[in-house]
Amino acid sequence: MNPASIHTPVLIIGGSLVGLSASLFLAWRGVPHILVEKHHGSAAHPRATGFTEHTLEFFRAAGIAERIPQVPPGASVRRARVESLAGLHYEELPWTPGQQEERDGKATPMAGAAIAQDLLEPILREAARARGADLRTGVELLSVQQDSQRVTAQLRQRDTGASYAVTADYLIAADGAASPIREQLGIARQGAGPLRVLRSVLFRCAEADTFLERGIRQFDIDQPGFKGFLGTYSDGRWFLMFEEQSDSTDAQLRALIRQALGKDMAFELITTGRWELAGLIADRFSEGRIFLAGDAAHQLPPTRGGYGANTGIDDVYNLAWKLQRVVRQQSRPALLDTYTDERRPIAWLRHQQTFARPDYAKWVGDGYQNEPLYGNLAMELGQLTRSGAILGADAALPPAAHPRDWAGQPGTRAPHVWVRHRGNSVSSIDLLTDDFVLLTADPRWSAAAAHLSLKTLLIGADVLFPADQAFGDTYGTGDDGAVIVRPDGIVAWRSAPAAAPGATLLRAVMEKIAMPHG
């Protein structure tokens, strides 16, 4: 093909965690695309290490969850304030003060995962390529322009200097917190702002692993004259972060590591890095045919809630099914306008939750202390999604709640229930990943949907719910109601009490939630 004539439905700029996840989700959904990344591999210093149950549900849908080692059910990231790793342990620090962990394995079929980013990214690359993704590494973006018809990107192969253009119907900018694309679009950001620049040193220390028997993986080092943060990637590698006033020499870094360890242990320096501690949310997540994702849209510091990387992966899971429908001309482009409406409030809530907790409250003073705190499962599996394409997400509903407190309200994640389908025991969420799905126990709704482009699962015939988790109770519909779930597992509509089943009603609902083309 003549390089000047390259066209793709979707172009992804940035091949780190969020860009690779976008590629995987698009490839799994059969959307042709090109991803470009200026580096040839993952960064030497991993960043993210904790991936939540919801993220693992996405990877489950895309068929790679079994390749990612999961933590034991009910496990959580524990942190303590200590003199040093081997020294006095003063106290364990809760992520959400006043709330106990409630991960009992009932809300989801998945556990979280503790895997370093540089070990997860190769899994994503391989899986995306196996599904047909065109991944181009060592390629940098020179410029990007868009008009009403397309996006045009000028690219350069870094090792040869060869330049070429790619046009795309849509572009996903997963190009990091400094996002040149966001800056070119003139999209401002709001939030706690840039707060500190921290130095990080990555090292290997086998002996340090022997101090993990208590189950604590993160340590706030609190010594006179030295404050730092010590953590492990659970693979023999450790990292130490601290606020650096001036460049540290190799000898000084080694001395700080020994100080944090609190005991003379053999270790090997691997690499160092710097990162900006900041909380900044873009004013909008899209402009025309360009969509911001991950740190380009919302810069959040690392947290025990995993709000940074996991939020970005959630962004592109939300975006992938919408792009699939629009590219295939199943839905009008207006469906893509819901991206900012749905994702920005969630990013804002995670920003507020981050700085209201003790881990980061010390950096921002008292400005966030009156924020209500939501527990881990509420933030991960119980956040509310709102937009014009979700009907009935009542404004009075909280922005998040524990999954057990929801019952199929529009805007919530469809609940996980172990059900029988075609003779097999499966999670109900496994049935809700491909298309819009009507769920009902009333054959009249099923009949009304027969001539619509809408998959139907009739409870009691196609799917059997357990007696103690009846469909009508789980979804709040009663025996004669119905819900429609989107391809990303979000309830988009629920019938009103005593609503009469009818094709006209369902057609009107689908017009609003799926925005069918033509």
Protein backbone atom coordinates (compact mmCIF):
# COMPACT_ATOMS: atom_id res chain seq x y z
CA MET A 1 0.00 0.00 0.00
CA ASN A 2 1.20 3.52 -0.78
CA PRO A 3 2.00 5.09 2.62
CA ALA A 4 0.30 8.29 1.48
CA SER A 5 -3.03 6.44 1.18
CA ILE A 6 -3.14 4.70 4.58
CA HIS A 7 -6.57 4.97 6.15
CA THR A 8 -7.95 3.32 9.26
CA PRO A 9 -11.27 3.64 11.07
CA VAL A 10 -9.50 4.34 14.38
CA LEU A 11 -5.99 5.59 15.13
CA ILE A 12 -4.61 5.25 18.66
CA ILE A 13 -1.74 7.50 19.70
CA GLY A 14 0.13 5.99 22.64
CA GLY A 15 0.89 2.35 23.26
CA SER A 16 1.21 2.16 27.00
CA LEU A 17 -1.39 0.61 29.29
CA VAL A 18 -4.48 2.55 28.20
CA GLY A 19 -3.60 2.63 24.50
CA LEU A 20 -2.92 -1.10 24.47
CA SER A 21 -6.19 -1.77 26.31
CA ALA A 22 -8.01 0.32 23.71
CA SER A 23 -6.36 -1.71 20.97
CA LEU A 24 -7.34 -5.00 22.63
CA PHE A 25 -10.96 -3.96 23.12
CA LEU A 26 -11.29 -2.65 19.56
CA ALA A 27 -9.64 -5.75 18.08
CA TRP A 28 -11.87 -8.02 20.15
CA ARG A 29 -14.90 -6.10 18.84
CA GLY A 30 -13.65 -6.40 15.25
CA VAL A 31 -12.81 -2.71 14.71
CA PRO A 32 -9.79 -2.22 12.39
CA HIS A 33 -7.31 0.26 13.79
CA ILE A 34 -3.68 1.33 13.97
CA LEU A 35 -1.80 2.02 17.21
CA VAL A 36 1.42 4.00 17.17
CA GLU A 37 3.89 4.23 20.05
CA LYS A 38 7.22 6.04 19.94
CA HIS A 39 8.98 3.45 22.10
CA HIS A 40 9.62 -0.16 21.18
CA GLY A 41 8.62 -1.64 24.55
CA SER A 42 7.42 -0.91 28.05
CA ALA A 43 9.07 1.62 30.33
CA ALA A 44 11.93 0.20 32.41
CA HIS A 45 10.31 1.54 35.58
CA PRO A 46 6.77 0.15 36.01
CA ARG A 47 4.10 2.50 37.23
CA ALA A 48 0.75 0.80 37.79
CA THR A 49 0.73 -2.49 39.68
CA GLY A 50 -2.82 -3.01 40.98
CA PHE A 51 -5.77 -3.82 38.73
CA THR A 52 -9.28 -3.97 40.08
CA GLU A 53 -12.06 -6.51 39.75
CA HIS A 54 -13.87 -4.33 37.23
CA THR A 55 -10.78 -4.11 35.02
CA LEU A 56 -10.42 -7.88 35.24
CA GLU A 57 -14.07 -8.19 34.16
CA PHE A 58 -13.15 -6.24 31.01
CA PHE A 59 -10.16 -8.50 30.39
CA ARG A 60 -12.42 -11.50 31.04
CA ALA A 61 -14.78 -10.31 28.32
CA ALA A 62 -11.86 -9.84 25.93
CA GLY A 63 -10.61 -13.36 26.69
CA ILE A 64 -7.31 -12.71 28.47
CA ALA A 65 -8.19 -12.78 32.19
CA GLU A 66 -6.79 -16.28 32.64
CA ARG A 67 -3.35 -14.97 31.60
CA ILE A 68 -3.27 -12.41 34.41
CA PRO A 69 -2.45 -13.70 37.91
CA GLN A 70 -5.19 -12.68 40.32
CA VAL A 71 -4.89 -12.03 44.01
CA PRO A 72 -6.73 -14.29 46.47
CA PRO A 73 -10.44 -13.44 46.79
CA GLY A 74 -11.02 -10.82 49.46
CA ALA A 75 -7.42 -9.59 49.43
CA SER A 76 -6.70 -5.88 49.41
CA VAL A 77 -3.70 -3.59 49.28
CA ARG A 78 -2.53 -2.92 52.83
CA ARG A 79 -0.28 -0.07 53.91
CA ALA A 80 1.46 0.70 57.20
CA ARG A 81 3.32 3.63 58.71
CA VAL A 82 6.69 2.29 59.77
CA GLU A 83 10.10 3.37 60.93
CA SER A 84 11.53 1.13 58.22
CA LEU A 85 10.73 -2.18 56.57
CA ALA A 86 12.71 -4.11 59.20
CA GLY A 87 12.14 -1.62 62.01
CA LEU A 88 9.17 -0.58 64.10
CA HIS A 89 5.70 -0.82 62.55
CA TYR A 90 3.63 1.97 64.08
CA GLU A 91 0.15 1.46 62.60
CA GLU A 92 -1.74 0.10 59.64
CA LEU A 93 -3.31 2.81 57.51
CA PRO A 94 -6.80 2.24 56.07
CA TRP A 95 -7.55 3.40 52.54
CA THR A 96 -11.10 4.39 53.48
CA PRO A 97 -11.18 5.45 57.15
CA GLY A 98 -14.14 4.12 59.07
CA GLN A 99 -14.99 1.41 56.56
CA GLN A 100 -13.99 -2.21 56.57
CA GLU A 101 -13.04 -4.12 53.47
CA GLU A 102 -16.09 -5.93 52.09
CA ARG A 103 -14.63 -8.00 49.29
CA ASP A 104 -16.48 -11.26 49.89
CA GLY A 105 -16.38 -12.53 46.30
CA LYS A 106 -20.15 -12.20 45.82
CA ALA A 107 -20.24 -9.02 43.73
CA THR A 108 -18.07 -10.21 40.84
CA PRO A 109 -16.69 -13.42 39.34
CA MET A 110 -13.21 -11.83 39.30
CA ALA A 111 -10.56 -10.97 41.83
CA GLY A 112 -8.15 -8.09 41.35
CA ALA A 113 -4.64 -8.53 40.04
CA ALA A 114 -1.24 -7.46 41.33
CA ILE A 115 0.97 -7.41 38.26
CA ALA A 116 3.54 -4.81 37.28
CA GLN A 117 2.66 -2.70 34.27
CA ASP A 118 5.69 -3.87 32.31
CA LEU A 119 4.49 -7.48 32.71
CA LEU A 120 0.87 -6.73 31.81
CA GLU A 121 1.60 -4.67 28.72
CA PRO A 122 3.22 -7.54 26.77
CA ILE A 123 0.10 -9.64 27.43
CA LEU A 124 -2.05 -6.85 26.01
CA ARG A 125 0.23 -6.41 22.98
CA GLU A 126 0.23 -10.08 22.12
CA ALA A 127 -3.51 -10.44 22.59
CA ALA A 128 -4.28 -7.35 20.48
CA ARG A 129 -1.99 -8.51 17.66
CA ALA A 130 -3.50 -12.00 17.77
CA ARG A 131 -6.91 -10.40 17.21
CA GLY A 132 -5.71 -8.41 14.20
CA ALA A 133 -4.48 -5.11 15.66
CA ASP A 134 -1.89 -3.14 13.67
CA LEU A 135 0.63 -2.09 16.34
CA ARG A 136 3.47 0.15 15.17
CA THR A 137 6.24 0.76 17.69
CA GLY A 138 9.12 3.18 17.28
CA VAL A 139 6.73 5.56 15.49
CA GLU A 140 6.19 9.11 16.71
CA LEU A 141 3.44 11.59 16.02
CA LEU A 142 4.63 14.74 14.25
CA SER A 143 1.30 16.53 13.89
CA VAL A 144 -2.43 15.95 13.85
CA GLN A 145 -5.26 17.82 12.19
CA GLN A 146 -8.97 17.15 11.85
CA ASP A 147 -11.89 18.36 9.83
CA SER A 148 -15.52 17.31 9.62
CA GLN A 149 -14.64 14.17 7.66
CA ARG A 150 -11.43 12.75 9.11
CA VAL A 151 -8.36 13.06 11.29
CA THR A 152 -4.96 13.27 9.60
CA ALA A 153 -1.81 12.34 11.49
CA GLN A 154 1.72 12.84 10.26
CA LEU A 155 3.93 10.05 11.60
CA ARG A 156 7.65 9.26 11.52
CA GLN A 157 9.48 5.96 11.92
CA ARG A 158 12.15 6.91 14.42
CA ASP A 159 14.85 4.45 13.37
CA THR A 160 14.70 5.30 9.65
CA GLY A 161 13.33 8.84 9.69
CA ALA A 162 10.69 7.89 7.13
CA SER A 163 7.55 9.99 7.43
CA TYR A 164 4.05 9.21 6.25
CA ALA A 165 0.44 10.22 6.82
CA VAL A 166 -2.42 8.20 8.22
CA THR A 167 -6.03 9.31 8.00
CA ALA A 168 -8.64 7.98 10.40
CA ASP A 169 -12.31 8.38 11.08
CA TYR A 170 -11.53 8.77 14.78
CA LEU A 171 -8.47 9.16 16.98
CA ILE A 172 -7.91 8.07 20.59
CA ALA A 173 -5.27 10.19 22.32
CA ALA A 174 -3.71 7.98 24.99
CA ASP A 175 -0.54 10.07 24.93
CA GLY A 176 -0.08 10.66 28.65
CA ALA A 177 -0.47 13.41 31.20
CA ALA A 178 1.48 15.94 29.12
CA SER A 179 -0.65 15.00 26.06
CA PRO A 180 0.53 17.12 23.12
CA ILE A 181 -2.79 16.36 21.43
CA ARG A 182 -4.80 17.74 24.36
CA GLU A 183 -2.58 20.82 24.43
CA GLN A 184 -3.01 21.36 20.68
CA LEU A 185 -6.78 21.14 21.10
CA GLY A 186 -6.59 23.82 23.77
CA ILE A 187 -8.42 21.73 26.37
CA ALA A 188 -7.74 23.10 29.84
CA ARG A 189 -7.62 21.08 33.08
CA GLN A 190 -8.98 21.67 36.57
CA GLY A 191 -8.28 20.08 39.94
CA ALA A 192 -5.87 19.99 42.84
CA GLY A 193 -3.16 20.83 40.35
CA PRO A 194 0.52 19.86 40.17
CA LEU A 195 1.60 19.27 43.76
CA ARG A 196 5.06 17.72 43.94
CA VAL A 197 7.76 16.12 41.82
CA LEU A 198 8.88 12.84 43.36
CA ARG A 199 11.97 10.76 42.69
CA SER A 200 11.59 7.03 42.38
CA VAL A 201 14.25 4.34 42.46
CA LEU A 202 13.59 0.75 41.38
CA PHE A 203 15.69 -2.02 42.89
CA ARG A 204 15.74 -5.77 43.39
CA CYS A 205 16.02 -7.19 46.90
CA ALA A 206 15.19 -10.83 47.61
CA GLU A 207 15.69 -10.50 51.37
CA ALA A 208 13.12 -7.71 51.58
CA ASP A 209 10.45 -10.17 50.42
CA THR A 210 10.81 -12.04 53.71
CA PHE A 211 9.18 -9.06 55.46
CA LEU A 212 5.91 -9.46 53.54
CA GLU A 213 4.52 -12.24 55.72
CA ARG A 214 2.17 -9.83 57.53
CA GLY A 215 0.38 -9.19 54.24
CA ILE A 216 1.42 -5.53 54.05
CA ARG A 217 2.83 -4.46 50.68
CA GLN A 218 3.19 -0.69 51.05
CA PHE A 219 5.12 1.20 53.71
CA ASP A 220 5.12 4.89 54.66
CA ILE A 221 8.64 5.44 55.96
CA ASP A 222 8.52 7.89 58.85
CA GLN A 223 11.89 8.82 60.33
CA PRO A 224 13.27 12.09 61.66
CA GLY A 225 14.61 13.89 58.61
CA PHE A 226 13.42 11.28 56.10
CA LYS A 227 9.97 10.54 54.74
CA GLY A 228 9.48 8.12 51.90
CA PHE A 229 7.21 5.50 50.41
CA LEU A 230 8.41 1.93 49.95
CA GLY A 231 6.49 -0.64 47.96
CA THR A 232 6.88 -3.91 46.10
CA TYR A 233 5.80 -5.21 42.71
CA SER A 234 5.54 -8.67 44.31
CA ASP A 235 8.10 -10.10 41.89
CA GLY A 236 11.30 -9.37 43.78
CA ARG A 237 11.37 -5.74 42.65
CA TRP A 238 10.88 -2.86 45.06
CA PHE A 239 10.59 0.87 44.65
CA LEU A 240 11.30 3.81 46.94
CA MET A 241 9.72 7.21 46.31
CA PHE A 242 10.63 10.44 48.05
CA GLU A 243 10.58 14.18 47.49
CA GLU A 244 13.99 15.15 46.16
CA GLN A 245 15.37 18.64 46.61
CA SER A 246 18.33 18.11 44.27
CA ASP A 247 19.72 15.32 42.11
CA SER A 248 20.84 12.37 44.22
CA THR A 249 24.01 10.52 43.39
CA ASP A 250 24.11 6.76 43.07
CA ALA A 251 25.72 6.53 46.50
CA GLN A 252 23.01 8.73 48.03
CA LEU A 253 20.26 6.61 46.49
CA ARG A 254 21.82 3.48 47.92
CA ALA A 255 22.05 5.11 51.34
CA LEU A 256 18.34 6.07 51.22
CA ILE A 257 17.35 2.53 50.23
CA ARG A 258 19.29 1.13 53.22
CA GLN A 259 17.63 3.71 55.46
CA ALA A 260 14.17 2.65 54.21
CA LEU A 261 14.96 -1.06 54.55
CA GLY A 262 16.27 -0.57 58.10
CA LYS A 263 18.70 -3.45 57.75
CA ASP A 264 21.80 -4.15 55.72
CA MET A 265 20.41 -6.20 52.81
CA ALA A 266 21.90 -6.98 49.43
CA PHE A 267 20.08 -5.18 46.63
CA GLU A 268 20.56 -4.29 42.98
CA LEU A 269 19.68 -0.89 41.53
CA ILE A 270 17.64 -1.22 38.33
CA THR A 271 16.63 2.27 37.27
CA THR A 272 15.35 5.61 38.53
CA GLY A 273 12.62 7.98 37.48
CA ARG A 274 10.65 11.08 38.33
CA TRP A 275 6.93 11.61 38.32
CA GLU A 276 4.61 14.49 39.00
CA LEU A 277 2.11 14.13 41.81
CA ALA A 278 -0.94 15.93 40.46
CA GLY A 279 -4.70 15.92 40.25
CA LEU A 280 -5.97 17.41 36.98
CA ILE A 281 -9.12 16.63 35.01
CA ALA A 282 -9.62 17.83 31.42
CA ASP A 283 -12.54 20.17 30.85
CA ARG A 284 -13.83 17.85 28.14
CA PHE A 285 -12.72 14.43 26.98
CA SER A 286 -13.33 14.89 23.27
CA GLU A 287 -13.10 17.45 20.52
CA GLY A 288 -14.61 16.60 17.17
CA ARG A 289 -13.26 13.21 16.12
CA ILE A 290 -10.56 13.08 18.79
CA PHE A 291 -11.05 11.42 22.20
CA LEU A 292 -8.80 11.75 25.25
CA ALA A 293 -8.25 8.66 27.38
CA GLY A 294 -6.24 7.77 30.46
CA ASP A 295 -3.79 10.35 31.81
CA ALA A 296 -4.46 12.61 28.83
CA ALA A 297 -8.00 13.02 30.19
CA HIS A 298 -7.40 12.73 33.93
CA GLN A 299 -4.10 12.84 35.77
CA LEU A 300 -4.48 11.10 39.11
CA PRO A 301 -1.72 10.00 41.50
CA PRO A 302 -1.18 6.31 42.29
CA THR A 303 -3.66 5.12 44.91
CA ARG A 304 -4.59 1.94 46.69
CA GLY A 305 -7.92 2.24 44.90
CA GLY A 306 -6.14 2.05 41.58
CA TYR A 307 -7.90 5.18 40.36
CA GLY A 308 -5.30 6.12 37.75
CA ALA A 309 -4.68 3.19 35.42
CA ASN A 310 -8.01 1.48 36.05
CA THR A 311 -9.97 4.64 35.26
CA GLY A 312 -8.16 4.90 31.94
CA ILE A 313 -8.89 1.28 31.05
CA ASP A 314 -12.54 1.92 31.92
CA ASP A 315 -12.47 4.95 29.58
CA VAL A 316 -11.53 2.89 26.55
CA TYR A 317 -13.90 0.03 27.40
CA ASN A 318 -16.67 2.64 27.35
CA LEU A 319 -15.40 4.08 24.08
CA ALA A 320 -14.67 0.84 22.21
CA TRP A 321 -18.25 -0.42 21.90
CA LYS A 322 -19.46 3.01 20.84
CA LEU A 323 -16.79 3.24 18.13
CA GLN A 324 -17.72 -0.28 17.02
CA ARG A 325 -21.34 0.67 16.49
CA VAL A 326 -20.55 3.99 14.79
CA VAL A 327 -17.85 2.56 12.52
CA ARG A 328 -20.25 -0.21 11.45
CA GLN A 329 -22.97 2.40 10.93
CA GLN A 330 -25.20 0.72 13.47
CA SER A 331 -25.39 3.94 15.48
CA ARG A 332 -25.19 7.62 14.63
CA PRO A 333 -21.99 9.51 15.53
CA ALA A 334 -24.02 11.31 18.20
CA LEU A 335 -23.52 8.21 20.38
CA LEU A 336 -19.87 9.23 20.75
CA ASP A 337 -20.96 12.55 22.25
CA THR A 338 -21.91 10.67 25.43
CA TYR A 339 -18.25 9.84 26.16
CA THR A 340 -17.43 13.04 28.04
CA ASP A 341 -20.83 13.09 29.77
CA GLU A 342 -20.28 9.58 31.11
CA ARG A 343 -16.57 9.49 31.88
CA ARG A 344 -15.73 12.97 33.15
CA PRO A 345 -17.96 12.86 36.28
CA ILE A 346 -16.42 9.50 37.20
CA ALA A 347 -12.93 10.95 36.81
CA TRP A 348 -13.95 13.90 38.97
CA LEU A 349 -15.33 11.66 41.69
CA ARG A 350 -12.11 9.66 41.74
CA HIS A 351 -10.15 12.89 41.95
CA GLN A 352 -12.22 13.99 44.94
CA GLN A 353 -11.97 10.59 46.61
CA THR A 354 -8.19 10.53 46.18
CA PHE A 355 -7.54 13.83 47.90
CA ALA A 356 -10.15 13.30 50.63
CA ARG A 357 -8.25 10.26 51.91
CA PRO A 358 -5.29 10.39 54.31
CA ASP A 359 -2.82 9.12 51.70
CA TYR A 360 -3.03 12.43 49.84
CA ALA A 361 -5.02 14.79 52.05
CA LYS A 362 -1.73 15.98 53.53
CA TRP A 363 -0.74 17.40 50.14
CA VAL A 364 -3.86 19.55 49.63
CA GLY A 365 -4.83 20.80 53.10
CA ASP A 366 -8.45 20.76 54.21
CA GLY A 367 -10.11 21.49 50.89
CA TYR A 368 -11.46 17.97 50.42
CA GLN A 369 -12.13 16.92 53.99
CA ASN A 370 -15.90 17.31 53.78
CA GLU A 371 -16.24 14.94 50.83
CA PRO A 372 -18.23 11.77 51.61
CA LEU A 373 -16.04 8.69 51.30
CA TYR A 374 -17.16 5.67 49.30
CA GLY A 375 -15.74 2.20 49.90
CA ASN A 376 -13.67 0.20 47.45
CA LEU A 377 -16.51 -1.82 45.95
CA ALA A 378 -18.71 1.26 45.64
CA MET A 379 -15.96 3.04 43.72
CA GLU A 380 -15.10 0.07 41.56
CA LEU A 381 -18.37 -1.76 40.92
CA GLY A 382 -20.98 0.72 42.10
CA GLN A 383 -20.35 4.03 40.35
CA LEU A 384 -23.27 5.58 38.51
CA THR A 385 -22.97 6.42 34.81
CA ARG A 386 -25.16 9.20 33.47
CA SER A 387 -25.79 10.61 29.99
CA GLY A 388 -28.60 11.31 27.54
CA ALA A 389 -28.25 7.72 26.32
CA ILE A 390 -29.18 6.28 29.73
CA LEU A 391 -32.85 6.65 30.56
CA GLY A 392 -33.90 7.01 34.17
CA ALA A 393 -30.59 7.59 35.98
CA ASP A 394 -32.36 9.64 38.65
CA ALA A 395 -30.52 12.81 39.66
CA ALA A 396 -31.27 11.99 43.29
CA LEU A 397 -29.20 8.80 43.15
CA PRO A 398 -25.73 8.90 44.75
CA PRO A 399 -22.68 8.91 42.46
CA ALA A 400 -21.61 5.57 43.95
CA ALA A 401 -22.93 2.87 46.26
CA HIS A 402 -22.02 -0.67 47.27
CA PRO A 403 -23.22 -3.10 44.56
CA ARG A 404 -25.61 -4.75 47.02
CA ASP A 405 -27.39 -1.40 47.41
CA TRP A 406 -28.21 -1.21 43.73
CA ALA A 407 -30.96 -3.22 42.04
CA GLY A 408 -30.71 -2.68 38.30
CA GLN A 409 -31.20 1.10 38.33
CA PRO A 410 -30.34 2.69 34.97
CA GLY A 411 -26.74 3.85 34.97
CA THR A 412 -25.49 1.07 37.24
CA ARG A 413 -23.37 -1.93 36.34
CA ALA A 414 -25.57 -4.95 35.67
CA PRO A 415 -25.19 -7.17 38.74
CA HIS A 416 -23.22 -10.39 38.70
CA VAL A 417 -25.25 -13.53 39.39
CA TRP A 418 -24.25 -17.13 38.76
CA VAL A 419 -26.92 -18.34 36.32
CA ARG A 420 -27.59 -21.38 34.11
CA HIS A 421 -27.32 -20.76 30.37
CA ARG A 422 -27.41 -23.54 27.79
CA GLY A 423 -26.73 -26.08 30.50
CA ASN A 424 -23.69 -24.28 31.89
CA SER A 425 -23.12 -22.22 35.02
CA VAL A 426 -21.92 -18.77 33.92
CA SER A 427 -21.76 -15.29 35.32
CA SER A 428 -24.62 -13.14 34.12
CA ILE A 429 -22.09 -10.49 33.08
CA ASP A 430 -20.67 -12.96 30.52
CA LEU A 431 -23.96 -12.69 28.63
CA LEU A 432 -23.84 -8.90 28.43
CA THR A 433 -20.71 -8.00 26.46
CA ASP A 434 -21.58 -8.24 22.76
CA ASP A 435 -24.66 -6.11 22.09
CA PHE A 436 -27.67 -4.45 23.67
CA VAL A 437 -29.55 -7.15 25.57
CA LEU A 438 -33.15 -7.16 26.77
CA LEU A 439 -33.58 -9.16 29.98
CA THR A 440 -37.07 -10.08 31.09
CA ALA A 441 -39.04 -12.86 32.74
CA ASP A 442 -42.20 -11.84 30.88
CA PRO A 443 -42.66 -13.41 27.41
CA ARG A 444 -44.67 -10.37 26.31
CA TRP A 445 -41.52 -8.22 26.37
CA SER A 446 -39.62 -10.89 24.49
CA ALA A 447 -42.33 -10.98 21.83
CA ALA A 448 -42.36 -7.18 21.59
CA ALA A 449 -38.62 -7.21 20.84
CA ALA A 450 -38.84 -9.97 18.22
CA HIS A 451 -38.61 -7.65 15.21
CA LEU A 452 -36.12 -5.17 16.68
CA SER A 453 -32.35 -5.29 16.43
CA LEU A 454 -32.17 -6.30 20.07
CA LYS A 455 -30.91 -9.51 21.59
CA THR A 456 -33.35 -10.96 24.12
CA LEU A 457 -32.77 -13.32 27.02
CA LEU A 458 -35.98 -14.70 28.52
CA ILE A 459 -35.48 -15.50 32.18
CA GLY A 460 -36.79 -18.97 32.98
CA ALA A 461 -36.20 -20.20 29.44
CA ASP A 462 -32.90 -18.88 28.04
CA VAL A 463 -31.41 -18.12 31.46
CA LEU A 464 -32.16 -19.56 34.89
CA PHE A 465 -31.58 -17.37 37.93
CA PRO A 466 -31.13 -19.01 41.37
CA ALA A 467 -34.12 -18.94 43.71
CA ASP A 468 -32.34 -16.70 46.24
CA GLN A 469 -31.41 -14.16 43.55
CA ALA A 470 -34.54 -13.96 41.46
CA PHE A 471 -34.32 -11.77 38.37
CA GLY A 472 -37.17 -9.47 39.42
CA ASP A 473 -35.55 -8.75 42.78
CA THR A 474 -32.02 -8.43 41.43
CA TYR A 475 -33.01 -5.89 38.78
CA GLY A 476 -35.90 -4.25 40.60
CA THR A 477 -38.34 -5.07 37.82
CA GLY A 478 -40.69 -7.48 39.52
CA ASP A 479 -41.92 -10.48 37.56
CA ASP A 480 -43.35 -8.52 34.64
CA GLY A 481 -40.69 -5.89 33.93
CA ALA A 482 -37.63 -5.65 31.71
CA VAL A 483 -34.23 -4.02 31.47
CA ILE A 484 -31.91 -3.27 28.55
CA VAL A 485 -28.19 -3.61 29.20
CA ARG A 486 -25.56 -1.97 26.98
CA PRO A 487 -22.55 -3.79 25.49
CA ASP A 488 -20.38 -2.43 28.33
CA GLY A 489 -22.62 -3.99 31.00
CA ILE A 490 -24.36 -0.77 32.07
CA VAL A 491 -28.13 -0.83 32.52
CA ALA A 492 -29.42 1.69 29.97
CA TRP A 493 -33.18 1.40 30.63
CA ARG A 494 -35.59 -0.25 33.03
CA SER A 495 -39.32 -0.49 32.49
CA ALA A 496 -41.62 1.56 34.66
CA PRO A 497 -43.92 -0.34 37.04
CA ALA A 498 -46.90 -1.81 35.21
CA ALA A 499 -45.57 -0.63 31.83
CA ALA A 500 -47.31 -2.39 28.96
CA PRO A 501 -44.89 -4.39 26.79
CA GLY A 502 -44.87 -3.18 23.22
CA ALA A 503 -42.63 -2.87 20.18
CA THR A 504 -43.39 0.86 19.88
CA LEU A 505 -42.10 1.51 23.40
CA LEU A 506 -38.96 -0.56 22.88
CA ARG A 507 -38.29 1.08 19.52
CA ALA A 508 -38.49 4.51 21.16
CA VAL A 509 -36.15 3.39 23.95
CA MET A 510 -33.59 2.01 21.49
CA GLU A 511 -33.73 5.23 19.50
CA LYS A 512 -32.50 7.09 22.58
CA ILE A 513 -30.01 4.63 24.07
CA ALA A 514 -28.49 3.12 20.88
CA MET A 515 -29.11 5.99 18.44
CA PRO A 516 -29.54 3.60 15.49
CA HIS A 517 -28.19 4.76 12.15
CA GLY A 518 -30.77 5.69 9.56
